[in-house]
Amino acid sequence: MQSYPGTAKWEQDERWRNARCVKRDKRIVVAKDDDFVSSFLIAGRPQKLLLISTGNIGNDELGAILRAHINDVAEAFEAASFVELSREFLTVHE
């Protein structure tokens, strides 16, 4: 098992369980963290990534943005594996 500095063993196990579940069920990982972008570009993991690049934003405003663009996001994932949603744009990365 890979070790993550500064994390307890149960946290490491939870991360691996989540990673296996994402791969098995072909889920889309939704993240605001650029580390996921690096992992996607370098290792191809996760298999599908929705990057939220709105900057500092409240949950209500983020929810409104997601609701307004959910159909566009779903359509984008039919053609791509990496999609980025900002306050103004939906970017489909190839």
N, C-alpha and C. Protein backbone atom coordinates (compact mmCIF):
# COMPACT_ATOMS: atom_id res chain seq x y z
N MET A 1 0.84 -1.18 0.00
CA MET A 1 0.00 0.00 0.00
C MET A 1 0.88 1.24 0.00
N GLN A 2 0.52 2.21 -0.81
CA GLN A 2 1.25 3.46 -0.87
C GLN A 2 1.02 4.25 0.41
N SER A 3 2.06 4.93 0.87
CA SER A 3 1.94 5.72 2.09
C SER A 3 1.79 7.19 1.74
N TYR A 4 0.92 7.86 2.46
CA TYR A 4 0.73 9.30 2.32
C TYR A 4 1.27 9.97 3.57
N PRO A 5 2.29 10.82 3.43
CA PRO A 5 2.85 11.48 4.61
C PRO A 5 1.80 12.23 5.41
N GLY A 6 1.87 12.08 6.72
CA GLY A 6 0.99 12.83 7.60
C GLY A 6 -0.42 12.30 7.71
N THR A 7 -0.69 11.11 7.20
CA THR A 7 -2.04 10.56 7.31
C THR A 7 -2.03 9.27 8.11
N ALA A 8 -3.09 9.05 8.82
CA ALA A 8 -3.24 7.82 9.58
C ALA A 8 -3.53 6.67 8.63
N LYS A 9 -3.27 5.45 9.10
CA LYS A 9 -3.48 4.27 8.26
C LYS A 9 -4.92 4.19 7.75
N TRP A 10 -5.93 4.48 8.60
CA TRP A 10 -7.32 4.37 8.15
C TRP A 10 -7.61 5.36 7.03
N GLU A 11 -6.96 6.55 7.06
CA GLU A 11 -7.16 7.53 6.00
C GLU A 11 -6.57 7.02 4.69
N GLN A 12 -5.41 6.38 4.78
CA GLN A 12 -4.78 5.82 3.58
C GLN A 12 -5.67 4.73 3.00
N ASP A 13 -6.20 3.85 3.85
CA ASP A 13 -7.08 2.79 3.38
C ASP A 13 -8.33 3.36 2.72
N GLU A 14 -8.89 4.41 3.31
CA GLU A 14 -10.10 5.04 2.77
C GLU A 14 -9.82 5.63 1.38
N ARG A 15 -8.66 6.24 1.21
CA ARG A 15 -8.32 6.81 -0.09
C ARG A 15 -8.23 5.72 -1.15
N TRP A 16 -7.64 4.59 -0.79
CA TRP A 16 -7.51 3.50 -1.76
C TRP A 16 -8.87 2.89 -2.07
N ARG A 17 -9.72 2.74 -1.06
CA ARG A 17 -11.07 2.22 -1.31
C ARG A 17 -11.82 3.15 -2.25
N ASN A 18 -11.71 4.44 -2.01
CA ASN A 18 -12.38 5.41 -2.88
C ASN A 18 -11.83 5.35 -4.30
N ALA A 19 -10.51 5.24 -4.44
CA ALA A 19 -9.89 5.17 -5.77
C ALA A 19 -10.36 3.93 -6.52
N ARG A 20 -10.44 2.80 -5.84
CA ARG A 20 -10.91 1.57 -6.49
C ARG A 20 -12.37 1.71 -6.91
N CYS A 21 -13.17 2.32 -6.06
CA CYS A 21 -14.60 2.51 -6.35
C CYS A 21 -14.78 3.42 -7.56
N VAL A 22 -14.02 4.49 -7.64
CA VAL A 22 -14.10 5.43 -8.76
C VAL A 22 -13.77 4.70 -10.06
N LYS A 23 -12.71 3.90 -10.04
CA LYS A 23 -12.30 3.17 -11.24
C LYS A 23 -13.32 2.11 -11.62
N ARG A 24 -13.75 1.32 -10.66
CA ARG A 24 -14.68 0.22 -10.91
C ARG A 24 -16.01 0.72 -11.47
N ASP A 25 -16.53 1.79 -10.86
CA ASP A 25 -17.85 2.30 -11.23
C ASP A 25 -17.80 3.39 -12.30
N LYS A 26 -16.59 3.68 -12.78
CA LYS A 26 -16.39 4.69 -13.83
C LYS A 26 -17.01 6.03 -13.43
N ARG A 27 -16.75 6.41 -12.19
CA ARG A 27 -17.28 7.68 -11.67
C ARG A 27 -16.43 8.85 -12.11
N ILE A 28 -17.02 10.02 -12.05
CA ILE A 28 -16.31 11.27 -12.34
C ILE A 28 -15.89 11.88 -11.01
N VAL A 29 -14.61 12.19 -10.89
CA VAL A 29 -14.12 12.86 -9.69
C VAL A 29 -14.32 14.36 -9.88
N VAL A 30 -14.94 14.99 -8.89
CA VAL A 30 -15.14 16.44 -8.90
C VAL A 30 -14.20 17.02 -7.87
N ALA A 31 -13.34 17.95 -8.30
CA ALA A 31 -12.31 18.46 -7.41
C ALA A 31 -12.04 19.94 -7.67
N LYS A 32 -11.56 20.60 -6.63
CA LYS A 32 -11.08 21.98 -6.76
C LYS A 32 -9.56 22.02 -6.65
N ASP A 33 -8.96 20.87 -6.46
CA ASP A 33 -7.53 20.75 -6.15
C ASP A 33 -6.72 20.47 -7.41
N ASP A 34 -5.71 21.28 -7.67
CA ASP A 34 -4.86 21.10 -8.85
C ASP A 34 -4.06 19.80 -8.81
N ASP A 35 -3.90 19.19 -7.64
CA ASP A 35 -3.19 17.91 -7.56
C ASP A 35 -3.88 16.85 -8.40
N PHE A 36 -5.20 16.90 -8.48
CA PHE A 36 -5.94 15.95 -9.30
C PHE A 36 -5.62 16.16 -10.78
N VAL A 37 -5.42 17.40 -11.18
CA VAL A 37 -5.06 17.69 -12.57
C VAL A 37 -3.70 17.06 -12.89
N SER A 38 -2.74 17.24 -12.00
CA SER A 38 -1.41 16.65 -12.21
C SER A 38 -1.51 15.14 -12.32
N SER A 39 -2.25 14.52 -11.43
CA SER A 39 -2.41 13.08 -11.46
C SER A 39 -3.09 12.63 -12.75
N PHE A 40 -4.09 13.36 -13.19
CA PHE A 40 -4.80 13.03 -14.42
C PHE A 40 -3.85 13.13 -15.62
N LEU A 41 -3.09 14.22 -15.70
CA LEU A 41 -2.22 14.43 -16.85
C LEU A 41 -1.03 13.48 -16.87
N ILE A 42 -0.49 13.17 -15.70
CA ILE A 42 0.71 12.33 -15.63
C ILE A 42 0.36 10.84 -15.64
N ALA A 43 -0.62 10.45 -14.85
CA ALA A 43 -0.90 9.02 -14.66
C ALA A 43 -2.24 8.57 -15.23
N GLY A 44 -3.04 9.51 -15.73
CA GLY A 44 -4.35 9.13 -16.25
C GLY A 44 -5.34 8.75 -15.18
N ARG A 45 -5.10 9.21 -13.95
CA ARG A 45 -6.01 8.95 -12.84
C ARG A 45 -6.37 10.26 -12.17
N PRO A 46 -7.61 10.44 -11.91
CA PRO A 46 -8.76 9.57 -12.16
C PRO A 46 -9.05 9.49 -13.66
N GLN A 47 -9.90 8.56 -14.04
CA GLN A 47 -10.21 8.38 -15.45
C GLN A 47 -11.01 9.55 -16.01
N LYS A 48 -11.86 10.14 -15.17
CA LYS A 48 -12.64 11.32 -15.57
C LYS A 48 -12.57 12.34 -14.45
N LEU A 49 -12.34 13.59 -14.82
CA LEU A 49 -12.13 14.65 -13.84
C LEU A 49 -12.93 15.89 -14.21
N LEU A 50 -13.72 16.38 -13.25
CA LEU A 50 -14.38 17.68 -13.37
C LEU A 50 -13.68 18.61 -12.40
N LEU A 51 -12.92 19.55 -12.94
CA LEU A 51 -12.20 20.52 -12.13
C LEU A 51 -13.07 21.74 -11.94
N ILE A 52 -13.31 22.11 -10.70
CA ILE A 52 -14.06 23.31 -10.36
C ILE A 52 -13.03 24.42 -10.13
N SER A 53 -12.98 25.37 -11.03
CA SER A 53 -11.98 26.44 -10.94
C SER A 53 -12.65 27.80 -10.76
N THR A 54 -13.50 27.86 -9.76
CA THR A 54 -14.25 29.08 -9.49
C THR A 54 -13.56 30.00 -8.50
N GLY A 55 -12.46 29.55 -7.93
CA GLY A 55 -11.84 30.33 -6.87
C GLY A 55 -12.66 30.20 -5.61
N ASN A 56 -12.51 31.14 -4.72
CA ASN A 56 -13.24 31.13 -3.45
C ASN A 56 -14.72 31.39 -3.73
N ILE A 57 -15.57 30.44 -3.35
CA ILE A 57 -16.99 30.54 -3.68
C ILE A 57 -17.81 29.85 -2.60
N GLY A 58 -18.97 30.37 -2.32
CA GLY A 58 -19.86 29.76 -1.34
C GLY A 58 -20.60 28.57 -1.94
N ASN A 59 -21.09 27.70 -1.08
CA ASN A 59 -21.80 26.50 -1.53
C ASN A 59 -23.04 26.82 -2.35
N ASP A 60 -23.80 27.83 -1.95
CA ASP A 60 -25.02 28.19 -2.68
C ASP A 60 -24.69 28.65 -4.10
N GLU A 61 -23.68 29.48 -4.23
CA GLU A 61 -23.30 29.97 -5.55
C GLU A 61 -22.73 28.83 -6.41
N LEU A 62 -21.92 27.97 -5.81
CA LEU A 62 -21.38 26.82 -6.54
C LEU A 62 -22.51 25.90 -7.00
N GLY A 63 -23.46 25.65 -6.12
CA GLY A 63 -24.61 24.82 -6.48
C GLY A 63 -25.38 25.41 -7.65
N ALA A 64 -25.56 26.72 -7.65
CA ALA A 64 -26.28 27.39 -8.74
C ALA A 64 -25.53 27.25 -10.06
N ILE A 65 -24.21 27.37 -10.02
CA ILE A 65 -23.40 27.21 -11.23
C ILE A 65 -23.51 25.78 -11.75
N LEU A 66 -23.40 24.82 -10.85
CA LEU A 66 -23.50 23.41 -11.27
C LEU A 66 -24.88 23.10 -11.85
N ARG A 67 -25.93 23.57 -11.21
CA ARG A 67 -27.29 23.32 -11.73
C ARG A 67 -27.48 23.96 -13.10
N ALA A 68 -26.93 25.14 -13.29
CA ALA A 68 -27.09 25.84 -14.56
C ALA A 68 -26.36 25.14 -15.70
N HIS A 69 -25.31 24.39 -15.39
CA HIS A 69 -24.48 23.81 -16.44
C HIS A 69 -24.42 22.29 -16.43
N ILE A 70 -25.25 21.64 -15.64
CA ILE A 70 -25.17 20.20 -15.48
C ILE A 70 -25.35 19.45 -16.81
N ASN A 71 -26.27 19.90 -17.65
CA ASN A 71 -26.46 19.24 -18.94
C ASN A 71 -25.25 19.41 -19.85
N ASP A 72 -24.66 20.60 -19.82
CA ASP A 72 -23.45 20.86 -20.62
C ASP A 72 -22.28 20.01 -20.13
N VAL A 73 -22.17 19.87 -18.82
CA VAL A 73 -21.11 19.04 -18.24
C VAL A 73 -21.29 17.59 -18.66
N ALA A 74 -22.50 17.08 -18.56
CA ALA A 74 -22.78 15.69 -18.95
C ALA A 74 -22.45 15.47 -20.42
N GLU A 75 -22.83 16.41 -21.25
CA GLU A 75 -22.54 16.30 -22.68
C GLU A 75 -21.04 16.35 -22.95
N ALA A 76 -20.33 17.19 -22.22
CA ALA A 76 -18.87 17.30 -22.39
C ALA A 76 -18.18 15.99 -22.07
N PHE A 77 -18.67 15.28 -21.05
CA PHE A 77 -18.04 14.01 -20.67
C PHE A 77 -18.33 12.89 -21.65
N GLU A 78 -19.25 13.09 -22.56
CA GLU A 78 -19.45 12.10 -23.61
C GLU A 78 -18.29 12.10 -24.60
N ALA A 79 -17.60 13.25 -24.70
CA ALA A 79 -16.50 13.38 -25.66
C ALA A 79 -15.13 13.51 -25.01
N ALA A 80 -15.07 13.79 -23.72
CA ALA A 80 -13.79 14.07 -23.08
C ALA A 80 -13.73 13.44 -21.69
N SER A 81 -12.52 13.41 -21.15
CA SER A 81 -12.31 12.85 -19.81
C SER A 81 -11.96 13.93 -18.78
N PHE A 82 -11.65 15.13 -19.25
CA PHE A 82 -11.26 16.21 -18.36
C PHE A 82 -12.04 17.46 -18.74
N VAL A 83 -12.88 17.91 -17.83
CA VAL A 83 -13.72 19.08 -18.04
C VAL A 83 -13.50 20.04 -16.89
N GLU A 84 -13.48 21.32 -17.20
CA GLU A 84 -13.24 22.36 -16.18
C GLU A 84 -14.40 23.35 -16.19
N LEU A 85 -14.91 23.62 -15.00
CA LEU A 85 -16.02 24.56 -14.85
C LEU A 85 -15.56 25.74 -14.01
N SER A 86 -15.68 26.93 -14.60
CA SER A 86 -15.37 28.15 -13.87
C SER A 86 -16.65 28.94 -13.70
N ARG A 87 -16.56 30.14 -13.17
CA ARG A 87 -17.75 30.98 -13.02
C ARG A 87 -18.32 31.39 -14.37
N GLU A 88 -17.44 31.55 -15.37
CA GLU A 88 -17.86 32.06 -16.68
C GLU A 88 -17.84 31.03 -17.79
N PHE A 89 -17.02 29.97 -17.67
CA PHE A 89 -16.79 29.09 -18.81
C PHE A 89 -16.87 27.61 -18.41
N LEU A 90 -17.17 26.81 -19.41
CA LEU A 90 -17.02 25.35 -19.34
C LEU A 90 -15.97 25.02 -20.37
N THR A 91 -14.85 24.46 -19.93
CA THR A 91 -13.75 24.13 -20.83
C THR A 91 -13.62 22.63 -20.94
N VAL A 92 -13.61 22.13 -22.17
CA VAL A 92 -13.41 20.71 -22.42
C VAL A 92 -11.95 20.53 -22.83
N HIS A 93 -11.18 19.85 -22.00
CA HIS A 93 -9.77 19.61 -22.29
C HIS A 93 -9.64 18.30 -23.08
N GLU A 94 -8.80 18.30 -24.07
CA GLU A 94 -8.61 17.12 -24.89
C GLU A 94 -7.38 16.37 -24.47
